Amino acid sequence: MDQTPTFQWANEAIPLSLPSKFILPNPIRPDRTCVSHLYSIPIIDMGTDNEAQLIQGITSACKGFGFFQVINHGIPLELCKNVLDMITKLFHLPCEEKSGLVTTTHMEEGKIFQYYVKDQNTQEKISMWAETFFHTWHPHDHGFTDNLPNNPPQYRYMNIFSPDLINFPSKNVDLLVITAYAKDVGSPIVRLLRLTSQGLGLERDYLKKKLGEIPGYTAEANYYPPCSNSELTLGLPAHTDYNVLTILLQEEGVTGIHVLKDGSWIAVDSLPGALIVNVAVQLQVFSFDLSEYSNLSDRKKIRYSQKFFI
């Protein structure tokens, strides 16, 4: 079983038993007794015109949690669903096709890889129970699609009819799911940066200007297969992100991400179409709270998510 290529995972019908290369040493195995469902991260409703209320809410969430959910952000719910459907199709490509996308190099453009942690005693690499597809992105310059796979077609420009695009919500039929989402997510990101700047007492466009006109944005699509030995592994270990903000879209009704707060892990149950926002390292300098988060494996449920880093 240890030799089974990970790119076969998505085509397995039942939860897989755990190969040895995924078994974490005792000190860093997930402790589910520390997971709390009594609390939740703050929810920011961007549908309001009360800017002072938004600034106060975002600033409080950044200082108290380092995480919050955003609703009524302006991205169509159908587009959010199409993004997750696109990810599902990517990870469920036929094995012979998917194998061409798999790499052992971390963060290689347009490739699927696995994160790992090192055993502090043996220095052995322990793989995470997840697959990650890495690529760059930009809200306006869609040249990033040149490095994306042709299949599923939602990752590329197409000028021909495709049955997959019958229900595509964009007004521009040439924009496929990933470019439409990149374009639409740009607006709430700019608004969040402006509101955060104001909450810090800075010029409204301070953070936006710091990022520059053509910043180096990156993205990850994640696939977490079910695992029959979920107490022995993790989808992602506890970590912090080293960018400015992380924008996460995950499936409704599936708990995957857990945020560390006052010694307990808070389970984040995402709302329909909500974006989960993480304050990353580059905003910590402004006295915001920097929270670790992790992804627990599930015995039965398959999970998918899309992260955009700015």
Protein backbone atom coordinates (compact mmCIF):
# COMPACT_ATOMS: atom_id res chain seq x y z
CA MET A 1 0.00 0.00 0.00
CA ASP A 2 2.95 2.33 0.66
CA GLN A 3 3.77 2.30 -3.05
CA THR A 4 0.28 3.33 -4.18
CA PRO A 5 0.62 6.62 -6.12
CA THR A 6 -1.29 9.39 -4.39
CA PHE A 7 -2.85 10.43 -7.68
CA GLN A 8 -5.08 7.35 -7.45
CA TRP A 9 -6.72 8.57 -4.25
CA ALA A 10 -9.58 10.47 -5.81
CA ASN A 11 -10.72 7.39 -7.69
CA GLU A 12 -10.95 5.18 -4.59
CA ALA A 13 -14.52 4.38 -3.57
CA ILE A 14 -13.89 3.80 0.17
CA PRO A 15 -11.77 5.47 2.87
CA LEU A 16 -8.18 4.32 2.56
CA SER A 17 -6.11 2.70 5.28
CA LEU A 18 -3.06 4.70 6.25
CA PRO A 19 0.33 3.92 4.65
CA SER A 20 3.27 4.27 7.03
CA LYS A 21 4.67 7.37 5.32
CA PHE A 22 1.59 9.33 6.51
CA ILE A 23 1.67 8.27 10.18
CA LEU A 24 2.70 11.19 12.39
CA PRO A 25 4.85 10.76 15.51
CA ASN A 26 2.87 10.91 18.76
CA PRO A 27 3.75 14.50 19.77
CA ILE A 28 2.17 16.01 16.65
CA ARG A 29 -0.79 13.70 16.11
CA PRO A 30 -4.16 15.50 16.20
CA ASP A 31 -5.72 15.74 19.66
CA ARG A 32 -9.43 15.87 18.96
CA THR A 33 -10.22 16.39 22.66
CA CYS A 34 -8.91 19.96 22.23
CA VAL A 35 -11.40 20.76 19.45
CA SER A 36 -14.21 23.13 20.46
CA HIS A 37 -17.55 23.52 18.71
CA LEU A 38 -18.84 26.00 21.29
CA TYR A 39 -17.28 29.04 19.64
CA SER A 40 -16.97 30.33 16.11
CA ILE A 41 -14.82 32.84 14.31
CA PRO A 42 -16.45 36.26 13.66
CA ILE A 43 -18.75 36.77 10.67
CA ILE A 44 -18.42 39.99 8.65
CA ASP A 45 -21.40 40.96 6.47
CA MET A 46 -20.03 43.01 3.59
CA GLY A 47 -23.54 43.66 2.31
CA THR A 48 -23.89 46.63 4.65
CA ASP A 49 -23.17 50.22 3.66
CA ASN A 50 -22.14 51.06 7.22
CA GLU A 51 -18.41 51.39 6.64
CA ALA A 52 -17.63 52.36 10.23
CA GLN A 53 -19.30 49.15 11.43
CA LEU A 54 -17.32 47.08 8.92
CA ILE A 55 -14.02 48.69 9.95
CA GLN A 56 -14.75 48.04 13.62
CA GLY A 57 -15.81 44.42 12.97
CA ILE A 58 -12.80 43.57 10.80
CA THR A 59 -10.32 45.25 13.16
CA SER A 60 -11.79 43.42 16.16
CA ALA A 61 -11.69 40.08 14.31
CA CYS A 62 -8.09 40.65 13.21
CA LYS A 63 -6.96 41.51 16.74
CA GLY A 64 -8.99 38.86 18.55
CA PHE A 65 -8.86 35.85 16.23
CA GLY A 66 -6.77 36.52 13.15
CA PHE A 67 -9.62 34.83 11.25
CA PHE A 68 -13.13 35.73 10.15
CA GLN A 69 -15.79 34.69 7.63
CA VAL A 70 -17.09 37.10 5.01
CA ILE A 71 -20.64 36.86 3.66
CA ASN A 72 -22.45 38.95 1.01
CA HIS A 73 -19.09 39.62 -0.62
CA GLY A 74 -20.52 39.94 -4.14
CA ILE A 75 -19.21 36.70 -5.67
CA PRO A 76 -22.17 34.70 -7.07
CA LEU A 77 -22.92 31.55 -5.08
CA GLU A 78 -23.15 29.59 -8.34
CA LEU A 79 -19.61 30.64 -9.26
CA CYS A 80 -18.33 29.52 -5.85
CA LYS A 81 -19.98 26.13 -6.41
CA ASN A 82 -18.45 25.92 -9.89
CA VAL A 83 -14.98 26.55 -8.45
CA LEU A 84 -15.35 23.62 -6.05
CA ASP A 85 -16.79 21.49 -8.86
CA MET A 86 -13.77 22.37 -11.02
CA ILE A 87 -11.41 21.29 -8.23
CA THR A 88 -13.31 18.03 -7.83
CA LYS A 89 -12.91 17.28 -11.54
CA LEU A 90 -9.19 18.06 -11.39
CA PHE A 91 -8.47 15.65 -8.56
CA HIS A 92 -10.70 12.99 -10.11
CA LEU A 93 -8.95 12.95 -13.48
CA PRO A 94 -8.10 9.47 -14.79
CA CYS A 95 -4.93 8.18 -13.14
CA GLU A 96 -2.88 8.15 -16.33
CA GLU A 97 -3.76 11.80 -17.01
CA LYS A 98 -3.43 12.99 -13.42
CA SER A 99 -0.03 11.35 -13.02
CA GLY A 100 1.38 13.87 -15.50
CA LEU A 101 0.50 16.67 -13.06
CA VAL A 102 2.06 15.08 -9.98
CA THR A 103 5.45 16.31 -8.75
CA THR A 104 7.65 15.84 -5.69
CA THR A 105 8.71 19.50 -5.93
CA HIS A 106 6.84 21.84 -3.62
CA MET A 107 4.89 24.69 -5.20
CA GLU A 108 5.71 23.92 -8.81
CA GLU A 109 3.47 25.93 -11.13
CA GLY A 110 0.47 23.96 -12.39
CA LYS A 111 1.41 20.79 -10.50
CA ILE A 112 -0.01 18.60 -7.73
CA PHE A 113 2.19 17.89 -4.70
CA GLN A 114 1.99 16.93 -1.03
CA TYR A 115 3.12 18.91 2.00
CA TYR A 116 5.15 17.13 4.64
CA VAL A 117 6.58 17.61 8.12
CA LYS A 118 9.87 16.28 9.46
CA ASP A 119 10.13 13.96 12.44
CA GLN A 120 12.38 15.93 14.80
CA ASN A 121 14.09 12.75 16.02
CA THR A 122 14.71 10.91 12.75
CA GLN A 123 14.43 13.83 10.26
CA GLU A 124 12.17 11.53 8.23
CA LYS A 125 9.63 13.27 6.00
CA ILE A 126 6.02 12.49 6.98
CA SER A 127 3.58 13.26 4.17
CA MET A 128 0.28 15.02 4.83
CA TRP A 129 -2.99 13.23 4.00
CA ALA A 130 -3.90 15.68 1.25
CA GLU A 131 -3.09 16.74 -2.30
CA THR A 132 -2.39 20.34 -3.27
CA PHE A 133 -2.56 21.91 -6.74
CA PHE A 134 -0.46 25.08 -6.93
CA HIS A 135 -0.64 27.97 -9.41
CA THR A 136 -0.35 31.75 -9.64
CA TRP A 137 -3.33 34.01 -10.27
CA HIS A 138 -4.28 37.63 -10.87
CA PRO A 139 -7.68 39.37 -10.90
CA HIS A 140 -7.05 41.17 -14.21
CA ASP A 141 -4.08 39.58 -15.99
CA HIS A 142 -5.35 36.16 -17.05
CA GLY A 143 -2.06 35.08 -18.56
CA PHE A 144 -1.64 32.83 -15.53
CA THR A 145 -3.93 30.30 -17.25
CA ASP A 146 -1.09 29.50 -19.69
CA ASN A 147 0.41 27.28 -16.98
CA LEU A 148 -2.84 25.52 -16.06
CA PRO A 149 -3.95 22.11 -17.36
CA ASN A 150 -6.26 21.78 -20.36
CA ASN A 151 -8.47 19.43 -18.39
CA PRO A 152 -10.78 20.22 -16.70
CA PRO A 153 -11.57 22.94 -19.26
CA GLN A 154 -12.73 25.40 -16.57
CA TYR A 155 -9.03 26.12 -15.93
CA ARG A 156 -8.46 27.49 -19.44
CA TYR A 157 -9.75 29.96 -22.02
CA MET A 158 -11.97 28.32 -24.64
CA ASN A 159 -13.77 29.84 -27.60
CA ILE A 160 -15.62 26.69 -28.56
CA PHE A 161 -18.80 25.21 -27.18
CA SER A 162 -18.37 22.88 -24.23
CA PRO A 163 -21.21 21.03 -22.46
CA ASP A 164 -19.48 21.82 -19.16
CA LEU A 165 -20.12 25.53 -19.72
CA ILE A 166 -23.90 25.48 -20.28
CA ASN A 167 -24.60 26.92 -16.83
CA PHE A 168 -21.53 29.12 -16.61
CA PRO A 169 -22.63 32.36 -14.90
CA SER A 170 -20.16 34.88 -16.34
CA LYS A 171 -21.44 37.45 -18.83
CA ASN A 172 -18.23 36.96 -20.82
CA VAL A 173 -18.38 33.45 -22.29
CA ASP A 174 -14.61 33.49 -22.92
CA LEU A 175 -13.88 33.69 -19.21
CA LEU A 176 -13.90 30.26 -17.62
CA VAL A 177 -14.43 29.41 -13.98
CA ILE A 178 -10.93 30.10 -12.63
CA THR A 179 -10.55 33.45 -14.42
CA ALA A 180 -14.09 34.53 -13.53
CA TYR A 181 -13.47 33.68 -9.88
CA ALA A 182 -10.07 35.43 -9.92
CA LYS A 183 -11.74 38.53 -11.39
CA ASP A 184 -14.67 38.51 -8.95
CA VAL A 185 -12.61 37.81 -5.83
CA GLY A 186 -10.46 40.84 -6.63
CA SER A 187 -13.22 43.29 -5.58
CA PRO A 188 -13.78 42.02 -2.02
CA ILE A 189 -10.01 41.69 -1.58
CA VAL A 190 -9.46 45.36 -2.46
CA ARG A 191 -12.33 46.33 -0.16
CA LEU A 192 -10.92 44.23 2.70
CA LEU A 193 -7.48 45.80 2.25
CA ARG A 194 -8.99 49.29 2.34
CA LEU A 195 -11.14 48.59 5.41
CA THR A 196 -8.19 46.98 7.19
CA SER A 197 -5.96 49.96 6.37
CA GLN A 198 -8.56 52.33 7.81
CA GLY A 199 -8.91 50.17 10.92
CA LEU A 200 -5.18 50.59 11.46
CA GLY A 201 -5.50 54.36 11.18
CA LEU A 202 -3.63 54.35 7.88
CA GLU A 203 -4.37 55.86 4.49
CA ARG A 204 -7.29 54.04 2.84
CA ASP A 205 -5.18 52.52 0.05
CA TYR A 206 -2.05 51.94 2.14
CA LEU A 207 -2.05 48.11 2.00
CA LYS A 208 -3.15 48.04 -1.64
CA LYS A 209 -0.26 50.31 -2.60
CA LYS A 210 2.18 48.21 -0.57
CA LEU A 211 1.18 45.15 -2.60
CA GLY A 212 1.81 47.01 -5.87
CA GLU A 213 -0.12 46.99 -9.12
CA ILE A 214 1.04 43.53 -10.23
CA PRO A 215 1.64 41.59 -7.01
CA GLY A 216 2.75 37.97 -6.96
CA TYR A 217 -0.49 36.23 -6.07
CA THR A 218 -0.54 32.45 -5.61
CA ALA A 219 -3.32 29.90 -5.17
CA GLU A 220 -3.83 26.35 -3.94
CA ALA A 221 -6.62 23.88 -4.57
CA ASN A 222 -6.73 21.20 -1.89
CA TYR A 223 -8.14 17.68 -1.79
CA TYR A 224 -8.53 15.84 1.52
CA PRO A 225 -9.54 12.19 1.03
CA PRO A 226 -11.33 10.29 3.80
CA CYS A 227 -9.06 8.28 6.06
CA SER A 228 -9.94 5.26 8.20
CA ASN A 229 -7.09 6.14 10.62
CA SER A 230 -7.70 9.88 10.85
CA GLU A 231 -6.37 10.06 14.42
CA LEU A 232 -2.86 9.29 13.10
CA THR A 233 -2.51 11.94 10.40
CA LEU A 234 -3.42 15.46 9.31
CA GLY A 235 -4.56 17.13 6.11
CA LEU A 236 -2.27 20.04 7.01
CA PRO A 237 -0.21 20.56 10.18
CA ALA A 238 -0.59 23.57 12.46
CA HIS A 239 0.94 26.54 10.65
CA THR A 240 0.72 30.22 9.85
CA ASP A 241 0.67 31.74 6.37
CA TYR A 242 3.53 34.05 5.33
CA ASN A 243 1.63 36.40 3.03
CA VAL A 244 -0.77 39.29 3.82
CA LEU A 245 -4.23 37.70 3.65
CA THR A 246 -5.42 34.21 2.76
CA ILE A 247 -8.88 33.90 1.18
CA LEU A 248 -10.32 30.40 1.61
CA LEU A 249 -13.38 28.92 -0.08
CA GLN A 250 -14.47 25.55 1.28
CA GLU A 251 -17.52 23.34 0.97
CA GLU A 252 -20.64 24.22 2.93
CA GLY A 253 -21.39 21.96 5.89
CA VAL A 254 -17.95 20.33 5.98
CA THR A 255 -15.69 21.12 8.92
CA GLY A 256 -12.07 20.98 7.91
CA ILE A 257 -10.16 24.04 9.01
CA HIS A 258 -9.47 24.50 12.73
CA VAL A 259 -8.19 27.74 14.27
CA LEU A 260 -6.08 27.81 17.45
CA LYS A 261 -7.50 30.20 20.05
CA ASP A 262 -6.47 30.29 23.72
CA GLY A 263 -5.16 26.74 23.65
CA SER A 264 -8.23 25.21 21.96
CA TRP A 265 -8.88 24.39 18.33
CA ILE A 266 -12.05 26.07 17.07
CA ALA A 267 -13.82 24.11 14.32
CA VAL A 268 -14.82 26.41 11.46
CA ASP A 269 -18.13 25.47 9.85
CA SER A 270 -18.29 27.52 6.67
CA LEU A 271 -21.50 29.28 5.68
CA PRO A 272 -22.93 28.90 2.14
CA GLY A 273 -20.63 30.72 -0.27
CA ALA A 274 -18.71 32.38 2.57
CA LEU A 275 -15.05 33.30 2.29
CA ILE A 276 -12.79 32.52 5.25
CA VAL A 277 -10.13 35.20 5.71
CA ASN A 278 -6.85 34.56 7.53
CA VAL A 279 -4.61 37.39 8.72
CA ALA A 280 -1.13 36.26 7.69
CA VAL A 281 2.38 37.07 8.91
CA GLN A 282 2.87 40.29 6.93
CA LEU A 283 -0.03 41.92 8.80
CA GLN A 284 1.21 40.78 12.21
CA VAL A 285 3.49 43.82 12.34
CA PHE A 286 0.36 45.93 12.88
CA SER A 287 -0.40 44.19 16.22
CA PHE A 288 -3.02 41.90 14.75
CA ASP A 289 -3.42 38.43 16.21
CA LEU A 290 -1.58 35.71 14.30
CA SER A 291 -3.41 32.41 14.64
CA GLU A 292 -2.22 28.95 13.71
CA TYR A 293 -4.60 26.72 11.84
CA SER A 294 -4.68 23.12 10.72
CA ASN A 295 -6.82 20.68 8.74
CA LEU A 296 -7.95 17.48 10.44
CA SER A 297 -8.56 14.37 8.37
CA ASP A 298 -12.05 12.87 8.33
CA ARG A 299 -12.95 9.19 8.47
CA LYS A 300 -15.80 9.42 5.96
CA LYS A 301 -16.03 12.79 4.23
CA ILE A 302 -14.14 14.01 1.17
CA ARG A 303 -13.22 17.70 1.35
CA TYR A 304 -12.12 20.24 -1.24
CA SER A 305 -11.04 23.86 -0.80
CA GLN A 306 -9.59 26.75 -2.80
CA LYS A 307 -7.11 29.20 -1.26
CA PHE A 308 -6.03 32.49 -2.78
CA PHE A 309 -2.98 34.10 -1.17
CA ILE A 310 -2.29 37.83 -1.38
